[in-house]
Amino acid sequence: MKKTLADIPPRTGTIYPPPFDRVTAGRAKFALGDAFGLSQFGVNLTELAPGAASALRHWHSDEDEFVYVLDGELVLIDETGEEVLRPGDFVGFKAGVANGHHFVNRSDRPARYLEVGTRATERDHVSYPDDDFAIHPVDGKRVLFRKDGSRC
């Protein structure tokens, strides 16, 4: 059955604790894949308002990520530096490669992109090279830990 974006509520929250949660203020994700019960991979339409970021810089142990820019302009920040992405540009991040990355909208207009990624919540570890926390799977859920192993 066909769906439209109006059928899908935006997710605007984050798993990040304060003050890290502020970086994603202005981000809205529409879980397109969830609308069809997809279980092997997720598909999100993500909108970033001017000044918003997709996430903190991170990388996944067990989830591939693919991003295709639809509208606006994004700055990809990763281990190699910064690169501007425009509509039609796309990038991918292979699971297990320690390349912390995120996208920032430094323009004065909203930006939109599609993101596709493996669904591996039960085994995926997420590393944040610039921040004192990581996400590890516990009983099939993502749980925040500090780098010393204590829970956030």
C-alpha atoms as a PDB file:
ATOM      1  CA  MET A   1       0.000   0.000   0.000  1.00  0.00           C
ATOM      2  CA  LYS A   2       1.263   3.442  -0.947  1.00  0.00           C
ATOM      3  CA  LYS A   3       2.220   5.924   1.779  1.00  0.00           C
ATOM      4  CA  THR A   4       2.933   9.643   1.789  1.00  0.00           C
ATOM      5  CA  LEU A   5       5.062  11.685   4.148  1.00  0.00           C
ATOM      6  CA  ALA A   6       1.848  12.932   5.770  1.00  0.00           C
ATOM      7  CA  ASP A   7       1.273   9.342   6.997  1.00  0.00           C
ATOM      8  CA  ILE A   8       4.488   9.303   9.023  1.00  0.00           C
ATOM      9  CA  PRO A   9       4.992  11.318  12.213  1.00  0.00           C
ATOM     10  CA  PRO A  10       8.371  13.043  12.542  1.00  0.00           C
ATOM     11  CA  ARG A  11      10.770  11.951  15.285  1.00  0.00           C
ATOM     12  CA  THR A  12      12.520  14.938  16.788  1.00  0.00           C
ATOM     13  CA  GLY A  13      14.005  13.513  19.970  1.00  0.00           C
ATOM     14  CA  THR A  14      17.377  11.912  20.575  1.00  0.00           C
ATOM     15  CA  ILE A  15      18.940   9.288  22.817  1.00  0.00           C
ATOM     16  CA  TYR A  16      21.711  11.762  23.700  1.00  0.00           C
ATOM     17  CA  PRO A  17      21.783  13.078  27.277  1.00  0.00           C
ATOM     18  CA  PRO A  18      22.051  16.814  28.019  1.00  0.00           C
ATOM     19  CA  PRO A  19      23.960  18.831  26.935  1.00  0.00           C
ATOM     20  CA  PHE A  20      24.675  16.641  23.884  1.00  0.00           C
ATOM     21  CA  ASP A  21      20.990  16.577  22.904  1.00  0.00           C
ATOM     22  CA  ARG A  22      21.183  20.202  21.740  1.00  0.00           C
ATOM     23  CA  VAL A  23      23.238  19.334  18.651  1.00  0.00           C
ATOM     24  CA  THR A  24      20.222  17.685  16.999  1.00  0.00           C
ATOM     25  CA  ALA A  25      17.727  20.454  17.797  1.00  0.00           C
ATOM     26  CA  GLY A  26      16.155  21.243  14.434  1.00  0.00           C
ATOM     27  CA  ARG A  27      16.413  17.658  13.158  1.00  0.00           C
ATOM     28  CA  ALA A  28      13.294  15.725  12.116  1.00  0.00           C
ATOM     29  CA  LYS A  29      13.405  12.086  10.995  1.00  0.00           C
ATOM     30  CA  PHE A  30      10.629  10.309   9.141  1.00  0.00           C
ATOM     31  CA  ALA A  31      11.017   6.525   9.490  1.00  0.00           C
ATOM     32  CA  LEU A  32       9.947   5.515   5.982  1.00  0.00           C
ATOM     33  CA  GLY A  33      11.070   1.901   6.326  1.00  0.00           C
ATOM     34  CA  ASP A  34       9.128   1.444   9.569  1.00  0.00           C
ATOM     35  CA  ALA A  35       5.914   2.308   7.720  1.00  0.00           C
ATOM     36  CA  PHE A  36       6.292  -1.017   5.893  1.00  0.00           C
ATOM     37  CA  GLY A  37       7.761  -3.063   8.728  1.00  0.00           C
ATOM     38  CA  LEU A  38      11.149  -3.423   7.027  1.00  0.00           C
ATOM     39  CA  SER A  39      13.422  -5.471   9.268  1.00  0.00           C
ATOM     40  CA  GLN A  40      16.710  -5.826   7.357  1.00  0.00           C
ATOM     41  CA  PHE A  41      17.446  -2.130   6.844  1.00  0.00           C
ATOM     42  CA  GLY A  42      16.058   1.230   7.879  1.00  0.00           C
ATOM     43  CA  VAL A  43      15.175   4.123   5.595  1.00  0.00           C
ATOM     44  CA  ASN A  44      14.727   7.629   6.959  1.00  0.00           C
ATOM     45  CA  LEU A  45      13.959  10.949   5.355  1.00  0.00           C
ATOM     46  CA  THR A  46      15.814  13.434   7.533  1.00  0.00           C
ATOM     47  CA  GLU A  47      15.320  17.194   7.562  1.00  0.00           C
ATOM     48  CA  LEU A  48      17.890  19.522   9.116  1.00  0.00           C
ATOM     49  CA  ALA A  49      16.971  23.115   9.860  1.00  0.00           C
ATOM     50  CA  PRO A  50      19.688  25.744   9.453  1.00  0.00           C
ATOM     51  CA  GLY A  51      22.278  25.235  12.199  1.00  0.00           C
ATOM     52  CA  ALA A  52      21.178  21.673  13.021  1.00  0.00           C
ATOM     53  CA  ALA A  53      23.339  18.556  12.923  1.00  0.00           C
ATOM     54  CA  SER A  54      22.363  14.999  12.053  1.00  0.00           C
ATOM     55  CA  ALA A  55      24.070  13.554  15.136  1.00  0.00           C
ATOM     56  CA  LEU A  56      27.299  13.813  17.054  1.00  0.00           C
ATOM     57  CA  ARG A  57      30.287  12.517  15.120  1.00  0.00           C
ATOM     58  CA  HIS A  58      30.041   8.724  15.332  1.00  0.00           C
ATOM     59  CA  TRP A  59      30.677   5.399  13.638  1.00  0.00           C
ATOM     60  CA  HIS A  60      29.004   1.982  13.878  1.00  0.00           C
ATOM     61  CA  SER A  61      30.556  -1.430  14.490  1.00  0.00           C
ATOM     62  CA  ASP A  62      27.831  -3.395  12.679  1.00  0.00           C
ATOM     63  CA  GLU A  63      25.687  -0.997  10.681  1.00  0.00           C
ATOM     64  CA  ASP A  64      26.429   0.275   7.194  1.00  0.00           C
ATOM     65  CA  GLU A  65      25.106   3.772   6.455  1.00  0.00           C
ATOM     66  CA  PHE A  66      24.236   5.415   3.142  1.00  0.00           C
ATOM     67  CA  VAL A  67      23.114   9.031   2.683  1.00  0.00           C
ATOM     68  CA  TYR A  68      21.684  10.670  -0.457  1.00  0.00           C
ATOM     69  CA  VAL A  69      21.130  14.451  -0.428  1.00  0.00           C
ATOM     70  CA  LEU A  70      17.750  15.551  -1.807  1.00  0.00           C
ATOM     71  CA  ASP A  71      17.514  19.280  -1.047  1.00  0.00           C
ATOM     72  CA  GLY A  72      19.676  22.013   0.406  1.00  0.00           C
ATOM     73  CA  GLU A  73      23.322  21.904   1.370  1.00  0.00           C
ATOM     74  CA  LEU A  74      25.061  19.846   4.039  1.00  0.00           C
ATOM     75  CA  VAL A  75      28.592  19.790   5.347  1.00  0.00           C
ATOM     76  CA  LEU A  76      29.936  16.287   5.942  1.00  0.00           C
ATOM     77  CA  ILE A  77      32.454  16.304   8.779  1.00  0.00           C
ATOM     78  CA  ASP A  78      34.482  13.127   9.193  1.00  0.00           C
ATOM     79  CA  GLU A  79      38.016  11.953   9.981  1.00  0.00           C
ATOM     80  CA  THR A  80      39.300  13.373   6.680  1.00  0.00           C
ATOM     81  CA  GLY A  81      37.902  16.890   7.195  1.00  0.00           C
ATOM     82  CA  GLU A  82      34.907  18.713   5.757  1.00  0.00           C
ATOM     83  CA  GLU A  83      33.134  18.403   2.433  1.00  0.00           C
ATOM     84  CA  VAL A  84      30.043  20.203   1.097  1.00  0.00           C
ATOM     85  CA  LEU A  85      27.243  17.963  -0.194  1.00  0.00           C
ATOM     86  CA  ARG A  86      24.476  19.160  -2.500  1.00  0.00           C
ATOM     87  CA  PRO A  87      21.414  17.521  -4.108  1.00  0.00           C
ATOM     88  CA  GLY A  88      22.426  14.389  -5.975  1.00  0.00           C
ATOM     89  CA  ASP A  89      25.556  13.805  -3.863  1.00  0.00           C
ATOM     90  CA  PHE A  90      25.783  10.647  -1.795  1.00  0.00           C
ATOM     91  CA  VAL A  91      28.161   9.037   0.689  1.00  0.00           C
ATOM     92  CA  GLY A  92      28.443   5.702   2.442  1.00  0.00           C
ATOM     93  CA  PHE A  93      30.014   4.477   5.659  1.00  0.00           C
ATOM     94  CA  LYS A  94      30.959   0.815   5.991  1.00  0.00           C
ATOM     95  CA  ALA A  95      30.319  -0.906   9.310  1.00  0.00           C
ATOM     96  CA  GLY A  96      33.405  -1.325  11.464  1.00  0.00           C
ATOM     97  CA  VAL A  97      35.426   1.464   9.829  1.00  0.00           C
ATOM     98  CA  ALA A  98      36.442   4.008  12.485  1.00  0.00           C
ATOM     99  CA  ASN A  99      35.458   7.114  10.541  1.00  0.00           C
ATOM    100  CA  GLY A 100      33.454   9.313  12.904  1.00  0.00           C
ATOM    101  CA  HIS A 101      31.072  11.381  10.797  1.00  0.00           C
ATOM    102  CA  HIS A 102      28.033  13.623  10.896  1.00  0.00           C
ATOM    103  CA  PHE A 103      26.277  16.235   8.780  1.00  0.00           C
ATOM    104  CA  VAL A 104      25.727  19.895   9.649  1.00  0.00           C
ATOM    105  CA  ASN A 105      23.436  22.368   7.903  1.00  0.00           C
ATOM    106  CA  ARG A 106      25.441  25.604   7.842  1.00  0.00           C
ATOM    107  CA  SER A 107      23.205  27.191   5.222  1.00  0.00           C
ATOM    108  CA  ASP A 108      20.230  29.490   5.724  1.00  0.00           C
ATOM    109  CA  ARG A 109      17.779  26.962   4.207  1.00  0.00           C
ATOM    110  CA  PRO A 110      16.500  23.561   5.330  1.00  0.00           C
ATOM    111  CA  ALA A 111      18.248  20.470   3.960  1.00  0.00           C
ATOM    112  CA  ARG A 112      16.763  17.007   3.355  1.00  0.00           C
ATOM    113  CA  TYR A 113      18.385  13.660   2.742  1.00  0.00           C
ATOM    114  CA  LEU A 114      17.597   9.963   2.645  1.00  0.00           C
ATOM    115  CA  GLU A 115      19.536   7.694   4.958  1.00  0.00           C
ATOM    116  CA  VAL A 116      19.604   3.938   4.642  1.00  0.00           C
ATOM    117  CA  GLY A 117      21.243   1.679   7.190  1.00  0.00           C
ATOM    118  CA  THR A 118      21.533  -1.858   8.447  1.00  0.00           C
ATOM    119  CA  ARG A 119      19.283  -2.757  11.376  1.00  0.00           C
ATOM    120  CA  ALA A 120      21.673  -4.350  13.867  1.00  0.00           C
ATOM    121  CA  THR A 121      20.564  -2.880  17.213  1.00  0.00           C
ATOM    122  CA  GLU A 122      21.140  -6.185  19.009  1.00  0.00           C
ATOM    123  CA  ARG A 123      24.884  -6.193  18.188  1.00  0.00           C
ATOM    124  CA  ASP A 124      25.877  -2.689  17.047  1.00  0.00           C
ATOM    125  CA  HIS A 125      28.263  -0.576  19.123  1.00  0.00           C
ATOM    126  CA  VAL A 126      28.357   3.150  18.338  1.00  0.00           C
ATOM    127  CA  SER A 127      31.546   5.092  19.049  1.00  0.00           C
ATOM    128  CA  TYR A 128      31.686   8.875  19.479  1.00  0.00           C
ATOM    129  CA  PRO A 129      35.316   9.970  19.048  1.00  0.00           C
ATOM    130  CA  ASP A 130      34.759  13.561  20.241  1.00  0.00           C
ATOM    131  CA  ASP A 131      32.513  12.870  23.240  1.00  0.00           C
ATOM    132  CA  ASP A 132      32.639  10.900  26.497  1.00  0.00           C
ATOM    133  CA  PHE A 133      30.093   8.273  25.685  1.00  0.00           C
ATOM    134  CA  ALA A 134      29.331   5.297  23.496  1.00  0.00           C
ATOM    135  CA  ILE A 135      26.245   3.233  22.776  1.00  0.00           C
ATOM    136  CA  HIS A 136      26.289  -0.509  23.425  1.00  0.00           C
ATOM    137  CA  PRO A 137      23.527  -3.092  23.007  1.00  0.00           C
ATOM    138  CA  VAL A 138      21.921  -4.377  26.211  1.00  0.00           C
ATOM    139  CA  ASP A 139      19.005  -6.806  25.907  1.00  0.00           C
ATOM    140  CA  GLY A 140      18.332  -5.644  22.340  1.00  0.00           C
ATOM    141  CA  LYS A 141      18.237  -1.941  23.218  1.00  0.00           C
ATOM    142  CA  ARG A 142      20.763   0.849  22.738  1.00  0.00           C
ATOM    143  CA  VAL A 143      22.207   1.977  26.076  1.00  0.00           C
ATOM    144  CA  LEU A 144      24.527   4.925  26.698  1.00  0.00           C
ATOM    145  CA  PHE A 145      27.807   4.359  28.518  1.00  0.00           C
ATOM    146  CA  ARG A 146      30.726   6.612  29.323  1.00  0.00           C
ATOM    147  CA  LYS A 147      34.066   5.607  27.848  1.00  0.00           C
ATOM    148  CA  ASP A 148      35.129   4.304  31.285  1.00  0.00           C
ATOM    149  CA  GLY A 149      32.265   1.772  31.093  1.00  0.00           C
ATOM    150  CA  SER A 150      29.861   3.455  33.536  1.00  0.00           C
ATOM    151  CA  ARG A 151      26.289   4.146  32.427  1.00  0.00           C
ATOM    152  CA  CYS A 152      25.238   7.666  31.532  1.00  0.00           C
END
